């Protein structure tokens, strides 16, 4: 059953949800920095964010570095949450493109970006003493059947929401999937690397989700659920991301 509980942070498919009223869109830029320029790059991003984002600006933005796993060492500049309609107005912000090109892009070897949608109806933002998000564990998946995926994600959310002390997680999907990109991601919020256990993504010490599973699901349903998960999902890659500022 180890793989069954491995589900905990899996999730999402490329659903098409008309949620323009919600601020649930993120733009993520993947940035590979020139050798020896990490410190200068980070300071430039901090200054850029302070000028054009955060502190009552239009949309918040922050920087993470991939510390372990796929694309280790690269940075992610994440802008959001926001509405899709805000993308039409980004170029109206005076000076931000010039600042980015001069002070940030000049320190980067390569970059690419994409848009992602968070799905609160499948995410479990349960309250926990941990789960600050200083570190996030991200796993990308491919899926076979969207109906099975929706069922699994909803059931997982129900269980996690009923439990106590579980780390929160988001279900995220690419809005325009690039070649080779996963169909969906689970982003699990951690306060430290020590909170992660690859054999038990629901931490038994702080989270009673196993008791909830046993109370809410018959053995037959659990067995079917595990088989459905195994048949439907494939891990594409995993990574830890550390918040830089």
Protein backbone atom coordinates (compact mmCIF):
# COMPACT_ATOMS: atom_id res chain seq x y z
CA UNK A 1 0.00 0.00 0.00
CA UNK A 2 3.03 2.29 0.06
CA UNK A 3 2.42 3.37 -3.51
CA UNK A 4 -1.23 4.00 -2.68
CA UNK A 5 -0.37 6.71 -0.19
CA UNK A 6 2.22 7.99 -2.57
CA UNK A 7 -0.82 9.63 -4.15
CA UNK A 8 -0.96 12.31 -1.63
CA UNK A 9 0.68 14.96 -3.66
CA UNK A 10 -0.18 13.87 -7.04
CA UNK A 11 -2.80 15.56 -8.91
CA UNK A 12 -4.31 17.50 -11.65
CA UNK A 13 -5.00 17.10 -15.29
CA UNK A 14 -5.30 19.73 -17.93
CA UNK A 15 -8.87 20.66 -17.03
CA UNK A 16 -10.43 23.61 -18.79
CA UNK A 17 -12.04 25.69 -16.08
CA UNK A 18 -13.52 29.11 -16.71
CA UNK A 19 -12.40 30.75 -13.50
CA UNK A 20 -11.62 34.26 -14.68
CA UNK A 21 -13.13 35.65 -11.51
CA UNK A 22 -10.50 33.89 -9.41
CA UNK A 23 -6.88 34.86 -9.00
CA UNK A 24 -5.57 31.39 -9.73
CA UNK A 25 -3.11 31.88 -12.61
CA UNK A 26 0.68 31.92 -12.26
CA UNK A 27 3.39 32.74 -14.76
CA UNK A 28 6.61 30.83 -14.11
CA UNK A 29 9.94 31.69 -15.74
CA UNK A 30 12.69 29.06 -15.63
CA UNK A 31 16.09 30.76 -15.54
CA UNK A 32 19.58 29.27 -15.86
CA UNK A 33 22.09 31.83 -14.54
CA UNK A 34 25.56 32.45 -15.92
CA UNK A 35 28.40 30.94 -13.83
CA UNK A 36 29.50 33.17 -10.96
CA UNK A 37 26.53 35.53 -11.27
CA UNK A 38 24.11 33.95 -8.80
CA UNK A 39 24.48 36.61 -6.10
CA UNK A 40 24.18 39.49 -8.56
CA UNK A 41 21.20 37.80 -10.19
CA UNK A 42 19.36 37.28 -6.89
CA UNK A 43 19.94 40.90 -5.84
CA UNK A 44 18.70 42.14 -9.21
CA UNK A 45 15.51 40.08 -8.89
CA UNK A 46 14.93 41.33 -5.34
CA UNK A 47 15.23 44.92 -6.50
CA UNK A 48 12.98 44.27 -9.50
CA UNK A 49 10.31 42.63 -7.33
CA UNK A 50 10.39 45.48 -4.84
CA UNK A 51 9.96 48.03 -7.63
CA UNK A 52 7.29 46.36 -9.74
CA UNK A 53 5.70 43.73 -7.49
CA UNK A 54 4.81 42.99 -3.87
CA UNK A 55 4.12 45.64 -1.23
CA UNK A 56 0.71 46.68 -2.55
CA UNK A 57 1.85 46.49 -6.18
CA UNK A 58 -0.30 44.91 -8.87
CA UNK A 59 0.77 41.26 -8.50
CA UNK A 60 3.21 39.62 -6.10
CA UNK A 61 6.30 37.79 -7.37
CA UNK A 62 9.01 35.73 -5.76
CA UNK A 63 12.07 33.65 -6.59
CA UNK A 64 12.81 29.98 -5.94
CA UNK A 65 15.84 27.83 -6.72
CA UNK A 66 15.61 24.14 -7.62
CA UNK A 67 17.85 22.60 -4.98
CA UNK A 68 17.44 18.92 -5.88
CA UNK A 69 15.97 16.96 -8.76
CA UNK A 70 14.99 17.86 -12.32
CA UNK A 71 16.82 21.03 -13.55
CA UNK A 72 18.69 21.31 -10.26
CA UNK A 73 20.46 24.65 -9.78
CA UNK A 74 18.09 26.64 -11.97
CA UNK A 75 15.83 29.41 -10.69
CA UNK A 76 12.10 29.98 -11.02
CA UNK A 77 10.64 33.46 -10.98
CA UNK A 78 6.97 33.06 -10.10
CA UNK A 79 4.40 35.79 -10.68
CA UNK A 80 0.91 35.46 -9.23
CA UNK A 81 -1.67 34.58 -8.22
CA UNK A 82 -3.48 36.70 -10.79
CA UNK A 83 -6.33 36.76 -13.26
CA UNK A 84 -5.72 35.89 -16.89
CA UNK A 85 -6.95 39.36 -17.84
CA UNK A 86 -3.98 40.92 -16.06
CA UNK A 87 -1.65 39.49 -18.70
CA UNK A 88 -3.13 41.95 -21.18
CA UNK A 89 -2.03 44.84 -18.97
CA UNK A 90 1.50 43.75 -18.11
CA UNK A 91 3.12 45.69 -20.92
CA UNK A 92 1.45 48.85 -19.66
CA UNK A 93 3.74 48.88 -16.61
CA UNK A 94 6.31 51.50 -17.51
CA UNK A 95 9.94 50.46 -17.41
CA UNK A 96 9.57 46.89 -16.22
CA UNK A 97 10.55 45.23 -19.51
CA UNK A 98 13.64 47.41 -19.88
CA UNK A 99 14.64 46.74 -16.27
CA UNK A 100 14.25 42.99 -16.71
CA UNK A 101 16.31 42.90 -19.93
CA UNK A 102 19.10 45.11 -18.61
CA UNK A 103 19.51 43.82 -15.07
CA UNK A 104 18.19 40.24 -15.05
CA UNK A 105 18.19 38.75 -18.55
CA UNK A 106 21.79 39.90 -19.00
CA UNK A 107 22.81 37.48 -16.22
CA UNK A 108 20.96 34.50 -17.67
CA UNK A 109 22.17 31.82 -20.09
CA UNK A 110 18.75 30.51 -21.02
CA UNK A 111 15.13 31.04 -20.05
CA UNK A 112 11.66 29.82 -20.85
CA UNK A 113 8.26 30.38 -19.28
CA UNK A 114 4.74 29.04 -19.11
CA UNK A 115 1.37 29.75 -17.52
CA UNK A 116 -0.14 27.52 -14.83
CA UNK A 117 -3.51 27.31 -13.14
CA UNK A 118 -4.03 26.36 -9.52
CA UNK A 119 -7.12 24.22 -8.84
CA UNK A 120 -8.45 24.93 -5.32
CA UNK A 121 -11.24 22.39 -5.79
CA UNK A 122 -8.59 19.64 -5.86
CA UNK A 123 -5.98 21.24 -3.58
CA UNK A 124 -5.85 20.66 0.16
CA UNK A 125 -4.75 23.77 2.04
CA UNK A 126 -5.18 22.20 5.46
CA UNK A 127 -3.85 24.11 8.43
CA UNK A 128 -0.61 22.76 9.86
CA UNK A 129 2.13 23.87 12.19
CA UNK A 130 4.49 23.01 9.37
CA UNK A 131 3.94 23.63 5.68
CA UNK A 132 5.20 27.23 5.58
CA UNK A 133 6.26 26.84 1.95
CA UNK A 134 9.90 27.79 2.51
CA UNK A 135 10.54 24.57 0.61
CA UNK A 136 8.14 22.91 -1.81
CA UNK A 137 8.26 19.39 -3.17
CA UNK A 138 6.99 19.29 -6.74
CA UNK A 139 6.13 16.15 -8.66
CA UNK A 140 4.91 16.13 -12.25
CA UNK A 141 2.64 13.42 -13.66
CA UNK A 142 1.13 12.14 -16.85
CA UNK A 143 -2.33 10.62 -16.71
CA UNK A 144 -4.38 8.25 -18.86
CA UNK A 145 -7.98 9.11 -18.04
CA UNK A 146 -9.25 12.52 -16.94
CA UNK A 147 -12.37 11.14 -15.28
CA UNK A 148 -10.32 8.80 -13.11
CA UNK A 149 -7.96 11.66 -12.30
CA UNK A 150 -10.78 13.93 -11.15
CA UNK A 151 -12.20 11.18 -8.96
CA UNK A 152 -8.83 10.42 -7.36
CA UNK A 153 -7.97 14.05 -6.74
CA UNK A 154 -11.32 14.84 -5.17
CA UNK A 155 -11.15 11.78 -2.91
CA UNK A 156 -7.61 12.66 -1.86
CA UNK A 157 -8.61 16.22 -1.05
CA UNK A 158 -11.59 15.02 1.02
CA UNK A 159 -9.33 12.76 3.09
CA UNK A 160 -6.65 15.37 3.60
CA UNK A 161 -9.16 18.08 4.55
CA UNK A 162 -10.63 15.81 7.24
CA UNK A 163 -7.25 14.97 8.73
CA UNK A 164 -5.19 17.01 11.17
CA UNK A 165 -1.73 18.49 10.77
CA UNK A 166 -1.15 17.45 7.14
CA UNK A 167 1.07 19.60 4.96
CA UNK A 168 -0.99 21.62 2.47
CA UNK A 169 -0.60 20.98 -1.24
CA UNK A 170 -1.72 22.57 -4.52
CA UNK A 171 -2.87 20.86 -7.68
CA UNK A 172 -1.46 22.78 -10.64
CA UNK A 173 -1.85 22.30 -14.39
CA UNK A 174 -0.16 23.99 -17.38
CA UNK A 175 -2.56 26.17 -19.32
CA UNK A 176 -0.68 25.61 -22.58
CA UNK A 177 1.34 22.42 -22.14
CA UNK A 178 4.75 22.39 -23.80
CA UNK A 179 6.24 19.31 -25.46
CA UNK A 180 7.20 16.71 -22.88
CA UNK A 181 5.68 18.64 -19.97
CA UNK A 182 3.66 16.77 -17.32
CA UNK A 183 -0.13 16.89 -17.46
CA UNK A 184 -0.31 18.07 -13.85
CA UNK A 185 1.73 18.79 -10.75
CA UNK A 186 1.35 18.39 -7.01
CA UNK A 187 3.12 21.13 -5.05
CA UNK A 188 3.55 20.14 -1.42
CA UNK A 189 4.39 22.90 1.07
CA UNK A 190 7.16 22.16 3.58
CA UNK A 191 8.94 24.15 6.25
CA UNK A 192 12.16 22.12 6.02
CA UNK A 193 13.69 19.19 4.15
CA UNK A 194 13.28 17.18 7.34
CA UNK A 195 9.51 17.11 6.85
CA UNK A 196 9.81 15.01 3.73
CA UNK A 197 9.75 11.23 3.76
CA UNK A 198 9.72 9.63 0.30
CA UNK A 199 8.08 6.49 1.70
CA UNK A 200 5.26 8.36 3.38
CA UNK A 201 4.20 11.64 1.84
CA UNK A 202 1.53 11.92 4.49
CA UNK A 203 3.68 12.24 7.62
CA UNK A 204 2.31 9.76 10.18
CA UNK A 205 3.84 11.73 13.05
CA UNK A 206 1.85 14.89 12.32
CA UNK A 207 -1.04 13.77 10.15
CA UNK A 208 -3.83 11.29 10.89
CA UNK A 209 -4.83 10.75 7.26
CA UNK A 210 -4.30 6.98 7.51
CA UNK A 211 -6.99 6.77 10.20
CA UNK A 212 -9.31 8.78 7.96
CA UNK A 213 -8.70 6.41 5.05
CA UNK A 214 -9.54 3.41 7.19
CA UNK A 215 -12.72 5.00 8.56
CA UNK A 216 -14.02 6.47 5.31
CA UNK A 217 -13.12 3.77 2.76
CA UNK A 218 -13.93 0.08 2.66
CA UNK A 219 -11.10 -2.35 1.93
CA UNK A 220 -12.58 -2.94 -1.52
CA UNK A 221 -12.67 0.77 -2.28
CA UNK A 222 -9.10 1.19 -1.06
CA UNK A 223 -7.91 -1.68 -3.24
CA UNK A 224 -9.76 -0.32 -6.28
CA UNK A 225 -8.51 3.17 -5.56
CA UNK A 226 -4.91 1.98 -5.42
CA UNK A 227 -5.25 0.05 -8.67
CA UNK A 228 -6.89 3.02 -10.37
CA UNK A 229 -4.00 5.21 -9.28
CA UNK A 230 -1.39 2.73 -10.52
CA UNK A 231 -3.13 2.34 -13.89
CA UNK A 232 -3.74 6.05 -14.46
CA UNK A 233 -0.59 7.92 -13.38
CA UNK A 234 3.06 8.03 -14.34
CA UNK A 235 5.69 10.14 -12.60
CA UNK A 236 7.54 12.40 -15.06
CA UNK A 237 9.93 14.09 -12.62
CA UNK A 238 10.35 15.42 -9.09
CA UNK A 239 12.16 18.39 -7.61
CA UNK A 240 12.62 20.40 -4.41
CA UNK A 241 12.36 24.18 -4.70
CA UNK A 242 13.73 26.50 -2.01
CA UNK A 243 12.40 30.02 -1.59
CA UNK A 244 15.19 32.54 -2.14
CA UNK A 245 13.34 35.71 -1.14
